[in-house]
Each structure stands twice: as structure tokens, then as C-alpha cells.
Amino acid sequence: MDNEQRKQMIQQGFDTVASGYDHPSLPFFPQTASRLIEHLQLTPEQHLLDVCCGTGAVSLKAAEALSHGRVLGIDLSSGMLQQAQAKAEAAGHSNTEFRQMDIEALDLPAHSFDVATSSFGLFFIEDMAGALTGIASKVKPGGKVAITSFTGDAFAPMSDIFIKNFEATGRTVPPLSWQRLATRELIEEQFNAAGITDIDIHHVPLGYQMTSDQQWWDVVWNAGWRSLLTNFTGSKIERTTCGRKANYREVICSQMSPEEQQEFEQKHRQEIKAVIGEEGVWFNTEVLIGVGRK
């Protein structure tokens, strides 16, 4: 699979889950946004660039603090941007703007922002150091750059059960993207490669008591896990054969038919329900927030 095909899959995947990305079972996105804005210590007149903004969790939280500044949120997914724009309008924010743009091709003036963020986005990019360097180039000298990632233990124990059940179908789960930035050392490595200094890494021990298998399935269905189960709506890639361009088409062909998906969901949720029991189980969603200076 080449880089453009990979981006197409990512874009389609996030378009698919955009309408459910703010589901109550995924509170770690707004929770992380709040903590990130706290650590940035913004001043009201600053301009902030939010890269891979998703449905606007960070952008809209920043907009509240930037009463005399502005926020530009960019994302590859038009579905995510539509949700972000609708939320901004509902909140009455007049200092926000959202544009569809590739993180690896930022069509923006250099040194035009005081702060840049990328929350749960950088680890999807093959050349993370290159992408982070590009983001930093849009920040004024002395400005701040911040990223977030889940830790290596995030989503346990549910994710371990999901992977086991999924691979029992004869399929393989690709490497979990956030593992590429799942430690302080890995984040510092990317910051150093991008020339970002004065680095602070903050551990945020998020999570909640999961009391039903439905809660976990809401996480699966409204986030990236869903891409392993369903074909992307509107894909222009042929799915009738796994011939040429095998690396990409094998991914498509490995996804489940509606019947297989229903069977998988039923069996998987039964096992999750047994693990949760009557008292529930702690669902770990802890994150790392890295903040540095240009």
C-alpha cells in the first residue's frame, strides 16, 4: 500500500465514524482537550493551529480561551470537519475556522501561529518527524507545539480481548498506531527530530468504570476499531479481487461481511460481558501530552 492509498483509507475511515465520534463512551477526547489547553497556558490574543482536529475537541476548547485570537482546525476528513463546524456554530464561536488539508502538505504561511497542536493525529503519519517539522514551521520562533497520544496500556483489557477475537477469525490486526508514540521517550524522540526544545511530557491517568458490553461496543463502532470490521462507504477501490495492488486490496478483502460482523459482535460482546461482570471493570484510557517550544 503506498502513502496515498493509506491516506485514502484513513480519510474514509474517519468519515465513516465522524457522526459518532463524540459519543459519551469516548469521553477521553474532550477530557484530553481540556487538559491540553490547561498545559498550553494560552493568552487571549494568540492564534492556534489545530492539526488533525477531528470533530474539534481541541479547537473548540482553545476558542473559549482565545477571546481575542483565532483557531484554525485542519483535517483530512470532511466528515470530521462538518461535525466540528456544526459544533462551533452551535457554541457561537466566531473565532474558529475549519479547512480540509493534508498534514503533510500544509498550505499555510510560515511562522503564522503562536501555538500548534495535533491531538491523537501524528501517529497515523508514516513520517512523523517530517510531519511534525512541517507543523512546527507554521509556528513563530518561541511558540509552542503540542501533541497527544494514548499510552501503551490504553484500552486495556478490552482491546486485548478484541484483538484475540479478531485474530481468531483468521485475520491480522495491523500494528496499533498510537503505540508509535506511547512512551515519553518516543514523544521526545519526535520532538528532538523536529527541532522542538524545552519539552514537557505530562501523564494524564484517564479512564472510567465500564459497566456494560454496550459501552465497549460503542467505543469500537465510533472510533478506529470499526475500520477492521466494515467496508468503507463510497470507496472507489475495487473490492472484487485481491489481485494486483495486493497489499491494499488484501486489507479491503479481509474486512467482514455483514453476516460475519454480526457473528463477531455477538461472540465478542459475550466475552466482554463476562469480563465486566456485575461490578464492572476499569477501562484505561490514559494519555500522554507533550508540549515543547519551536
C-alpha atoms as a PDB file:
ATOM      1  CA  MET A   1       0.000   0.000   0.000  1.00  0.00           C
ATOM      2  CA  ASP A   2       1.502   3.361  -0.963  1.00  0.00           C
ATOM      3  CA  ASN A   3       1.152   6.519   1.105  1.00  0.00           C
ATOM      4  CA  GLU A   4      -1.739   7.960  -0.913  1.00  0.00           C
ATOM      5  CA  GLN A   5      -3.760   4.755  -0.622  1.00  0.00           C
ATOM      6  CA  ARG A   6      -3.111   4.695   3.103  1.00  0.00           C
ATOM      7  CA  LYS A   7      -4.332   8.276   3.427  1.00  0.00           C
ATOM      8  CA  GLN A   8      -7.457   7.415   1.466  1.00  0.00           C
ATOM      9  CA  MET A   9      -8.213   4.590   3.874  1.00  0.00           C
ATOM     10  CA  ILE A  10      -7.669   6.863   6.872  1.00  0.00           C
ATOM     11  CA  GLN A  11      -9.874   9.576   5.387  1.00  0.00           C
ATOM     12  CA  GLN A  12     -12.687   7.168   4.579  1.00  0.00           C
ATOM     13  CA  GLY A  13     -12.421   5.518   7.970  1.00  0.00           C
ATOM     14  CA  PHE A  14     -12.819   8.805   9.830  1.00  0.00           C
ATOM     15  CA  ASP A  15     -15.580   9.975   7.501  1.00  0.00           C
ATOM     16  CA  THR A  16     -17.422   6.781   8.475  1.00  0.00           C
ATOM     17  CA  VAL A  17     -17.156   7.287  12.246  1.00  0.00           C
ATOM     18  CA  ALA A  18     -17.467  11.085  12.297  1.00  0.00           C
ATOM     19  CA  SER A  19     -21.133  11.211  13.330  1.00  0.00           C
ATOM     20  CA  GLY A  20     -20.454   9.089  16.419  1.00  0.00           C
ATOM     21  CA  TYR A  21     -17.030  10.404  17.407  1.00  0.00           C
ATOM     22  CA  ASP A  22     -18.470  12.493  20.239  1.00  0.00           C
ATOM     23  CA  HIS A  23     -20.318   9.536  21.760  1.00  0.00           C
ATOM     24  CA  PRO A  24     -20.416   9.532  25.610  1.00  0.00           C
ATOM     25  CA  SER A  25     -18.425   6.287  25.657  1.00  0.00           C
ATOM     26  CA  LEU A  26     -15.460   8.196  24.169  1.00  0.00           C
ATOM     27  CA  PRO A  27     -15.013  10.908  26.836  1.00  0.00           C
ATOM     28  CA  PHE A  28     -11.211  10.754  26.569  1.00  0.00           C
ATOM     29  CA  PHE A  29     -11.202  13.106  23.560  1.00  0.00           C
ATOM     30  CA  PRO A  30     -12.790  16.135  25.286  1.00  0.00           C
ATOM     31  CA  GLN A  31     -11.053  15.250  28.561  1.00  0.00           C
ATOM     32  CA  THR A  32      -7.653  15.288  26.867  1.00  0.00           C
ATOM     33  CA  ALA A  33      -8.513  18.529  25.071  1.00  0.00           C
ATOM     34  CA  SER A  34      -9.255  20.229  28.379  1.00  0.00           C
ATOM     35  CA  ARG A  35      -6.000  19.060  29.921  1.00  0.00           C
ATOM     36  CA  LEU A  36      -4.023  20.028  26.836  1.00  0.00           C
ATOM     37  CA  ILE A  37      -5.373  23.579  26.877  1.00  0.00           C
ATOM     38  CA  GLU A  38      -4.507  23.836  30.577  1.00  0.00           C
ATOM     39  CA  HIS A  39      -0.892  22.866  29.889  1.00  0.00           C
ATOM     40  CA  LEU A  40      -0.585  25.301  26.961  1.00  0.00           C
ATOM     41  CA  GLN A  41      -1.384  28.316  29.176  1.00  0.00           C
ATOM     42  CA  LEU A  42      -2.805  30.304  26.271  1.00  0.00           C
ATOM     43  CA  THR A  43      -3.196  34.068  26.285  1.00  0.00           C
ATOM     44  CA  PRO A  44      -6.370  35.603  24.803  1.00  0.00           C
ATOM     45  CA  GLU A  45      -4.801  37.147  21.693  1.00  0.00           C
ATOM     46  CA  GLN A  46      -2.937  34.098  20.390  1.00  0.00           C
ATOM     47  CA  HIS A  47      -3.556  32.258  17.125  1.00  0.00           C
ATOM     48  CA  LEU A  48      -3.659  28.451  17.308  1.00  0.00           C
ATOM     49  CA  LEU A  49      -3.341  25.829  14.565  1.00  0.00           C
ATOM     50  CA  ASP A  50      -5.051  22.517  15.367  1.00  0.00           C
ATOM     51  CA  VAL A  51      -3.791  19.790  13.013  1.00  0.00           C
ATOM     52  CA  CYS A  52      -5.874  16.609  12.676  1.00  0.00           C
ATOM     53  CA  CYS A  53      -8.592  18.490  14.528  1.00  0.00           C
ATOM     54  CA  GLY A  54     -11.237  15.776  14.175  1.00  0.00           C
ATOM     55  CA  THR A  55     -14.613  16.973  15.412  1.00  0.00           C
ATOM     56  CA  GLY A  56     -12.978  19.966  17.088  1.00  0.00           C
ATOM     57  CA  ALA A  57     -12.381  18.888  20.684  1.00  0.00           C
ATOM     58  CA  VAL A  58      -9.142  20.881  20.993  1.00  0.00           C
ATOM     59  CA  SER A  59     -10.150  23.650  18.569  1.00  0.00           C
ATOM     60  CA  LEU A  60     -13.342  24.497  20.417  1.00  0.00           C
ATOM     61  CA  LYS A  61     -11.738  24.318  23.849  1.00  0.00           C
ATOM     62  CA  ALA A  62      -8.992  26.635  22.607  1.00  0.00           C
ATOM     63  CA  ALA A  63     -11.586  29.016  21.137  1.00  0.00           C
ATOM     64  CA  GLU A  64     -13.004  29.546  24.620  1.00  0.00           C
ATOM     65  CA  ALA A  65      -9.595  30.741  25.851  1.00  0.00           C
ATOM     66  CA  LEU A  66      -8.697  32.831  22.783  1.00  0.00           C
ATOM     67  CA  SER A  67     -11.252  35.597  23.149  1.00  0.00           C
ATOM     68  CA  HIS A  68      -9.130  37.983  21.025  1.00  0.00           C
ATOM     69  CA  GLY A  69      -7.349  35.328  18.973  1.00  0.00           C
ATOM     70  CA  ARG A  70      -8.250  32.747  16.371  1.00  0.00           C
ATOM     71  CA  VAL A  71      -8.236  28.986  15.857  1.00  0.00           C
ATOM     72  CA  LEU A  72      -7.715  27.200  12.551  1.00  0.00           C
ATOM     73  CA  GLY A  73      -8.574  23.494  12.598  1.00  0.00           C
ATOM     74  CA  ILE A  74      -7.499  21.275   9.708  1.00  0.00           C
ATOM     75  CA  ASP A  75      -8.231  17.648   8.984  1.00  0.00           C
ATOM     76  CA  LEU A  76      -8.157  15.206   6.085  1.00  0.00           C
ATOM     77  CA  SER A  77     -11.706  14.032   6.823  1.00  0.00           C
ATOM     78  CA  SER A  78     -14.533  16.194   5.507  1.00  0.00           C
ATOM     79  CA  GLY A  79     -16.928  14.267   7.754  1.00  0.00           C
ATOM     80  CA  MET A  80     -14.974  15.251  10.848  1.00  0.00           C
ATOM     81  CA  LEU A  81     -14.783  18.877   9.715  1.00  0.00           C
ATOM     82  CA  GLN A  82     -18.539  19.051   9.193  1.00  0.00           C
ATOM     83  CA  GLN A  83     -19.065  17.943  12.784  1.00  0.00           C
ATOM     84  CA  ALA A  84     -16.509  20.462  14.060  1.00  0.00           C
ATOM     85  CA  GLN A  85     -18.083  23.333  12.119  1.00  0.00           C
ATOM     86  CA  ALA A  86     -21.563  22.456  13.350  1.00  0.00           C
ATOM     87  CA  LYS A  87     -20.357  22.364  16.957  1.00  0.00           C
ATOM     88  CA  ALA A  88     -18.585  25.719  16.570  1.00  0.00           C
ATOM     89  CA  GLU A  89     -21.736  27.326  15.195  1.00  0.00           C
ATOM     90  CA  ALA A  90     -23.872  25.820  17.949  1.00  0.00           C
ATOM     91  CA  ALA A  91     -21.466  27.188  20.564  1.00  0.00           C
ATOM     92  CA  GLY A  92     -21.460  30.624  18.943  1.00  0.00           C
ATOM     93  CA  HIS A  93     -17.715  30.691  18.306  1.00  0.00           C
ATOM     94  CA  SER A  94     -16.838  33.370  15.756  1.00  0.00           C
ATOM     95  CA  ASN A  95     -13.075  32.889  16.138  1.00  0.00           C
ATOM     96  CA  THR A  96     -12.826  29.427  14.573  1.00  0.00           C
ATOM     97  CA  GLU A  97     -12.244  28.233  11.023  1.00  0.00           C
ATOM     98  CA  PHE A  98     -12.029  24.687   9.663  1.00  0.00           C
ATOM     99  CA  ARG A  99     -10.365  23.569   6.419  1.00  0.00           C
ATOM    100  CA  GLN A 100      -9.750  20.235   4.739  1.00  0.00           C
ATOM    101  CA  MET A 101      -5.994  19.851   4.438  1.00  0.00           C
ATOM    102  CA  ASP A 102      -3.288  17.178   4.438  1.00  0.00           C
ATOM    103  CA  ILE A 103      -0.944  17.288   7.432  1.00  0.00           C
ATOM    104  CA  GLU A 104       1.938  16.522   5.063  1.00  0.00           C
ATOM    105  CA  ALA A 105       1.060  19.403   2.725  1.00  0.00           C
ATOM    106  CA  LEU A 106       0.179  22.345   4.961  1.00  0.00           C
ATOM    107  CA  ASP A 107      -0.747  25.201   2.636  1.00  0.00           C
ATOM    108  CA  LEU A 108      -0.246  27.888   5.260  1.00  0.00           C
ATOM    109  CA  PRO A 109       2.240  30.763   5.720  1.00  0.00           C
ATOM    110  CA  ALA A 110       5.339  30.019   7.775  1.00  0.00           C
ATOM    111  CA  HIS A 111       5.581  31.451  11.300  1.00  0.00           C
ATOM    112  CA  SER A 112       1.912  32.496  11.318  1.00  0.00           C
ATOM    113  CA  PHE A 113       0.729  30.835  14.549  1.00  0.00           C
ATOM    114  CA  ASP A 114       1.650  31.198  18.193  1.00  0.00           C
ATOM    115  CA  VAL A 115       0.713  27.609  19.028  1.00  0.00           C
ATOM    116  CA  ALA A 116       0.160  24.388  17.088  1.00  0.00           C
ATOM    117  CA  THR A 117      -1.463  21.198  18.346  1.00  0.00           C
ATOM    118  CA  SER A 118      -2.071  17.717  16.991  1.00  0.00           C
ATOM    119  CA  SER A 119      -4.127  15.579  19.329  1.00  0.00           C
ATOM    120  CA  PHE A 120      -4.195  11.838  18.533  1.00  0.00           C
ATOM    121  CA  GLY A 121      -3.201  12.551  14.944  1.00  0.00           C
ATOM    122  CA  LEU A 122       0.548  12.427  14.419  1.00  0.00           C
ATOM    123  CA  PHE A 123       0.870   8.673  14.948  1.00  0.00           C
ATOM    124  CA  PHE A 124      -1.178   7.989  11.803  1.00  0.00           C
ATOM    125  CA  ILE A 125       1.556   9.551   9.647  1.00  0.00           C
ATOM    126  CA  GLU A 126       4.337   7.338   8.341  1.00  0.00           C
ATOM    127  CA  ASP A 127       6.964  10.107   8.548  1.00  0.00           C
ATOM    128  CA  MET A 128       6.084  11.530  11.931  1.00  0.00           C
ATOM    129  CA  ALA A 129       9.250  13.625  12.251  1.00  0.00           C
ATOM    130  CA  GLY A 130       8.660  15.164   8.831  1.00  0.00           C
ATOM    131  CA  ALA A 131       5.036  15.965   9.621  1.00  0.00           C
ATOM    132  CA  LEU A 132       5.937  17.448  12.996  1.00  0.00           C
ATOM    133  CA  THR A 133       8.672  19.552  11.378  1.00  0.00           C
ATOM    134  CA  GLY A 134       6.072  20.839   8.930  1.00  0.00           C
ATOM    135  CA  ILE A 135       3.716  21.738  11.759  1.00  0.00           C
ATOM    136  CA  ALA A 136       6.484  23.500  13.669  1.00  0.00           C
ATOM    137  CA  SER A 137       7.373  25.545  10.569  1.00  0.00           C
ATOM    138  CA  LYS A 138       3.992  27.277  10.847  1.00  0.00           C
ATOM    139  CA  VAL A 139       4.724  28.397  14.420  1.00  0.00           C
ATOM    140  CA  LYS A 140       6.542  31.591  15.296  1.00  0.00           C
ATOM    141  CA  PRO A 141      10.009  31.270  16.884  1.00  0.00           C
ATOM    142  CA  GLY A 142       9.484  30.638  20.581  1.00  0.00           C
ATOM    143  CA  GLY A 143       5.951  29.392  20.013  1.00  0.00           C
ATOM    144  CA  LYS A 144       4.578  26.142  21.422  1.00  0.00           C
ATOM    145  CA  VAL A 145       3.929  22.810  19.703  1.00  0.00           C
ATOM    146  CA  ALA A 146       1.904  20.103  21.454  1.00  0.00           C
ATOM    147  CA  ILE A 147       0.840  16.552  20.650  1.00  0.00           C
ATOM    148  CA  THR A 148      -1.087  13.847  22.481  1.00  0.00           C
ATOM    149  CA  SER A 149      -1.098  10.072  22.343  1.00  0.00           C
ATOM    150  CA  PHE A 150      -2.501   7.150  24.246  1.00  0.00           C
ATOM    151  CA  THR A 151      -0.123   5.122  26.377  1.00  0.00           C
ATOM    152  CA  GLY A 152       0.787   1.530  25.623  1.00  0.00           C
ATOM    153  CA  ASP A 153      -1.732   0.241  28.145  1.00  0.00           C
ATOM    154  CA  ALA A 154      -4.655   2.278  26.858  1.00  0.00           C
ATOM    155  CA  PHE A 155      -7.921   0.481  26.109  1.00  0.00           C
ATOM    156  CA  ALA A 156      -6.936  -2.498  28.220  1.00  0.00           C
ATOM    157  CA  PRO A 157      -8.290  -5.001  28.944  1.00  0.00           C
ATOM    158  CA  MET A 158     -10.938  -4.667  26.210  1.00  0.00           C
ATOM    159  CA  SER A 159      -8.519  -4.143  23.345  1.00  0.00           C
ATOM    160  CA  ASP A 160      -6.626  -7.331  24.178  1.00  0.00           C
ATOM    161  CA  ILE A 161      -9.860  -9.319  24.031  1.00  0.00           C
ATOM    162  CA  PHE A 162     -10.855  -7.627  20.770  1.00  0.00           C
ATOM    163  CA  ILE A 163      -7.524  -8.435  19.130  1.00  0.00           C
ATOM    164  CA  LYS A 164      -7.659 -12.043  20.312  1.00  0.00           C
ATOM    165  CA  ASN A 165     -11.213 -12.481  18.996  1.00  0.00           C
ATOM    166  CA  PHE A 166     -10.441 -10.724  15.719  1.00  0.00           C
ATOM    167  CA  GLU A 167      -7.348 -12.817  15.024  1.00  0.00           C
ATOM    168  CA  ALA A 168      -9.332 -15.961  15.842  1.00  0.00           C
ATOM    169  CA  THR A 169     -11.229 -15.266  12.593  1.00  0.00           C
ATOM    170  CA  GLY A 170      -8.003 -15.787  10.644  1.00  0.00           C
ATOM    171  CA  ARG A 171      -7.353 -12.071  10.172  1.00  0.00           C
ATOM    172  CA  THR A 172      -4.475  -9.976  11.443  1.00  0.00           C
ATOM    173  CA  VAL A 173      -4.764  -6.702  13.339  1.00  0.00           C
ATOM    174  CA  PRO A 174      -2.274  -4.185  11.913  1.00  0.00           C
ATOM    175  CA  PRO A 175       0.121  -2.522  14.383  1.00  0.00           C
ATOM    176  CA  LEU A 176      -1.770  -0.191  16.717  1.00  0.00           C
ATOM    177  CA  SER A 177      -0.863   3.283  15.507  1.00  0.00           C
ATOM    178  CA  TRP A 178      -0.677   5.015  18.889  1.00  0.00           C
ATOM    179  CA  GLN A 179       2.000   2.574  20.058  1.00  0.00           C
ATOM    180  CA  ARG A 180       4.424   4.618  17.963  1.00  0.00           C
ATOM    181  CA  LEU A 181       4.065   7.476  20.487  1.00  0.00           C
ATOM    182  CA  ALA A 182       3.098   5.508  23.581  1.00  0.00           C
ATOM    183  CA  THR A 183       6.023   6.499  25.842  1.00  0.00           C
ATOM    184  CA  ARG A 184       7.750   9.675  26.953  1.00  0.00           C
ATOM    185  CA  GLU A 185      10.885   8.600  25.131  1.00  0.00           C
ATOM    186  CA  LEU A 186       9.089   8.106  21.817  1.00  0.00           C
ATOM    187  CA  ILE A 187       7.457  11.545  22.013  1.00  0.00           C
ATOM    188  CA  GLU A 188      10.738  13.208  22.946  1.00  0.00           C
ATOM    189  CA  GLU A 189      12.418  11.479  20.002  1.00  0.00           C
ATOM    190  CA  GLN A 190       9.968  13.043  17.549  1.00  0.00           C
ATOM    191  CA  PHE A 191      10.222  16.480  19.156  1.00  0.00           C
ATOM    192  CA  ASN A 192      14.010  16.352  19.023  1.00  0.00           C
ATOM    193  CA  ALA A 193      13.939  15.296  15.363  1.00  0.00           C
ATOM    194  CA  ALA A 194      11.713  18.295  14.582  1.00  0.00           C
ATOM    195  CA  GLY A 195      13.947  20.747  16.444  1.00  0.00           C
ATOM    196  CA  ILE A 196      11.459  21.313  19.253  1.00  0.00           C
ATOM    197  CA  THR A 197      13.019  22.051  22.659  1.00  0.00           C
ATOM    198  CA  ASP A 198      12.019  22.718  26.290  1.00  0.00           C
ATOM    199  CA  ILE A 199       9.933  19.558  26.212  1.00  0.00           C
ATOM    200  CA  ASP A 200       7.469  18.675  28.966  1.00  0.00           C
ATOM    201  CA  ILE A 201       5.621  15.357  28.913  1.00  0.00           C
ATOM    202  CA  HIS A 202       2.507  15.130  31.065  1.00  0.00           C
ATOM    203  CA  HIS A 203       0.903  11.823  32.021  1.00  0.00           C
ATOM    204  CA  VAL A 204      -2.886  12.006  32.343  1.00  0.00           C
ATOM    205  CA  PRO A 205      -4.408   8.904  34.024  1.00  0.00           C
ATOM    206  CA  LEU A 206      -7.809   8.895  32.332  1.00  0.00           C
ATOM    207  CA  GLY A 207     -10.348   6.087  32.367  1.00  0.00           C
ATOM    208  CA  TYR A 208     -13.749   5.073  33.671  1.00  0.00           C
ATOM    209  CA  GLN A 209     -15.607   2.144  35.165  1.00  0.00           C
ATOM    210  CA  MET A 210     -17.064   0.224  32.253  1.00  0.00           C
ATOM    211  CA  THR A 211     -20.273  -1.460  33.340  1.00  0.00           C
ATOM    212  CA  SER A 212     -21.693  -2.925  30.131  1.00  0.00           C
ATOM    213  CA  ASP A 213     -20.564  -4.586  26.921  1.00  0.00           C
ATOM    214  CA  GLN A 214     -22.570  -1.939  25.055  1.00  0.00           C
ATOM    215  CA  GLN A 215     -20.176   0.742  26.267  1.00  0.00           C
ATOM    216  CA  TRP A 216     -17.221  -1.097  24.774  1.00  0.00           C
ATOM    217  CA  TRP A 217     -19.047  -1.752  21.518  1.00  0.00           C
ATOM    218  CA  ASP A 218     -19.852   1.973  21.314  1.00  0.00           C
ATOM    219  CA  VAL A 219     -16.095   2.616  21.523  1.00  0.00           C
ATOM    220  CA  VAL A 220     -15.433   0.059  18.776  1.00  0.00           C
ATOM    221  CA  TRP A 221     -18.182   1.332  16.492  1.00  0.00           C
ATOM    222  CA  ASN A 222     -17.483   5.050  16.860  1.00  0.00           C
ATOM    223  CA  ALA A 223     -13.688   5.025  16.608  1.00  0.00           C
ATOM    224  CA  GLY A 224     -10.874   3.472  14.607  1.00  0.00           C
ATOM    225  CA  TRP A 225     -11.618  -0.127  15.591  1.00  0.00           C
ATOM    226  CA  ARG A 226     -14.625  -0.057  13.275  1.00  0.00           C
ATOM    227  CA  SER A 227     -12.389   0.078  10.195  1.00  0.00           C
ATOM    228  CA  LEU A 228     -11.361  -3.523  10.880  1.00  0.00           C
ATOM    229  CA  LEU A 229     -14.952  -4.704  10.682  1.00  0.00           C
ATOM    230  CA  THR A 230     -16.693  -2.850   7.876  1.00  0.00           C
ATOM    231  CA  ASN A 231     -16.033  -1.775   4.321  1.00  0.00           C
ATOM    232  CA  PHE A 232     -15.739   1.964   3.854  1.00  0.00           C
ATOM    233  CA  THR A 233     -18.799   3.618   2.370  1.00  0.00           C
ATOM    234  CA  GLY A 234     -18.193   5.094  -1.059  1.00  0.00           C
ATOM    235  CA  SER A 235     -14.718   3.660  -1.596  1.00  0.00           C
ATOM    236  CA  LYS A 236     -13.561   3.907  -5.191  1.00  0.00           C
ATOM    237  CA  ILE A 237     -11.181   0.988  -4.787  1.00  0.00           C
ATOM    238  CA  GLU A 238     -12.423  -2.237  -6.382  1.00  0.00           C
ATOM    239  CA  ARG A 239     -13.210  -4.974  -3.890  1.00  0.00           C
ATOM    240  CA  THR A 240     -13.996  -7.840  -6.240  1.00  0.00           C
ATOM    241  CA  THR A 241     -10.495  -9.252  -6.359  1.00  0.00           C
ATOM    242  CA  CYS A 242      -7.318  -9.360  -4.368  1.00  0.00           C
ATOM    243  CA  GLY A 243      -5.119  -9.422  -7.449  1.00  0.00           C
ATOM    244  CA  ARG A 244      -2.883  -6.515  -8.402  1.00  0.00           C
ATOM    245  CA  LYS A 245      -2.099  -3.964  -5.701  1.00  0.00           C
ATOM    246  CA  ALA A 246      -2.475  -6.906  -3.339  1.00  0.00           C
ATOM    247  CA  ASN A 247      -1.239  -5.143  -0.213  1.00  0.00           C
ATOM    248  CA  TYR A 248      -4.125  -2.659  -0.339  1.00  0.00           C
ATOM    249  CA  ARG A 249      -6.812  -4.973  -1.602  1.00  0.00           C
ATOM    250  CA  GLU A 250      -5.995  -7.622   0.962  1.00  0.00           C
ATOM    251  CA  VAL A 251      -6.935  -5.109   3.650  1.00  0.00           C
ATOM    252  CA  ILE A 252     -10.272  -4.490   1.944  1.00  0.00           C
ATOM    253  CA  CYS A 253     -10.894  -8.196   1.361  1.00  0.00           C
ATOM    254  CA  SER A 254     -10.088  -9.049   4.973  1.00  0.00           C
ATOM    255  CA  GLN A 255     -12.916  -6.887   6.271  1.00  0.00           C
ATOM    256  CA  MET A 256     -16.051  -8.665   7.364  1.00  0.00           C
ATOM    257  CA  SER A 257     -19.305  -9.192   5.551  1.00  0.00           C
ATOM    258  CA  PRO A 258     -22.395  -8.006   7.440  1.00  0.00           C
ATOM    259  CA  GLU A 259     -23.109 -11.605   8.478  1.00  0.00           C
ATOM    260  CA  GLU A 260     -19.564 -12.160   9.737  1.00  0.00           C
ATOM    261  CA  GLN A 261     -19.650  -8.852  11.538  1.00  0.00           C
ATOM    262  CA  GLN A 262     -22.886  -9.747  13.330  1.00  0.00           C
ATOM    263  CA  GLU A 263     -21.458 -13.089  14.412  1.00  0.00           C
ATOM    264  CA  PHE A 264     -18.232 -11.478  15.583  1.00  0.00           C
ATOM    265  CA  GLU A 265     -20.085  -8.809  17.553  1.00  0.00           C
ATOM    266  CA  GLN A 266     -22.263 -11.366  19.311  1.00  0.00           C
ATOM    267  CA  LYS A 267     -19.385 -13.615  20.361  1.00  0.00           C
ATOM    268  CA  HIS A 268     -17.086 -10.742  21.269  1.00  0.00           C
ATOM    269  CA  ARG A 269     -19.665  -8.971  23.404  1.00  0.00           C
ATOM    270  CA  GLN A 270     -20.445 -12.181  25.267  1.00  0.00           C
ATOM    271  CA  GLU A 271     -16.807 -12.437  26.314  1.00  0.00           C
ATOM    272  CA  ILE A 272     -16.633  -8.751  27.218  1.00  0.00           C
ATOM    273  CA  LYS A 273     -19.806  -9.104  29.295  1.00  0.00           C
ATOM    274  CA  ALA A 274     -18.232 -11.995  31.225  1.00  0.00           C
ATOM    275  CA  VAL A 275     -15.125  -9.920  31.977  1.00  0.00           C
ATOM    276  CA  ILE A 276     -17.167  -6.911  33.114  1.00  0.00           C
ATOM    277  CA  GLY A 277     -19.330  -8.983  35.433  1.00  0.00           C
ATOM    278  CA  GLU A 278     -21.763  -7.333  37.807  1.00  0.00           C
ATOM    279  CA  GLU A 279     -19.360  -4.766  39.268  1.00  0.00           C
ATOM    280  CA  GLY A 280     -17.755  -3.548  36.073  1.00  0.00           C
ATOM    281  CA  VAL A 281     -14.083  -3.181  35.191  1.00  0.00           C
ATOM    282  CA  TRP A 282     -11.753  -0.195  34.908  1.00  0.00           C
ATOM    283  CA  PHE A 283     -11.339   0.897  31.296  1.00  0.00           C
ATOM    284  CA  ASN A 284      -7.942   2.520  30.934  1.00  0.00           C
ATOM    285  CA  THR A 285      -7.722   5.479  28.531  1.00  0.00           C
ATOM    286  CA  GLU A 286      -4.624   7.201  29.922  1.00  0.00           C
ATOM    287  CA  VAL A 287      -2.778   9.618  27.664  1.00  0.00           C
ATOM    288  CA  LEU A 288       0.496  11.483  27.303  1.00  0.00           C
ATOM    289  CA  ILE A 289       0.593  15.181  26.446  1.00  0.00           C
ATOM    290  CA  GLY A 290       3.833  16.536  25.036  1.00  0.00           C
ATOM    291  CA  VAL A 291       4.476  20.287  24.923  1.00  0.00           C
ATOM    292  CA  GLY A 292       7.628  21.917  23.538  1.00  0.00           C
ATOM    293  CA  ARG A 293       8.900  25.156  22.036  1.00  0.00           C
ATOM    294  CA  LYS A 294       9.863  25.950  18.445  1.00  0.00           C
END
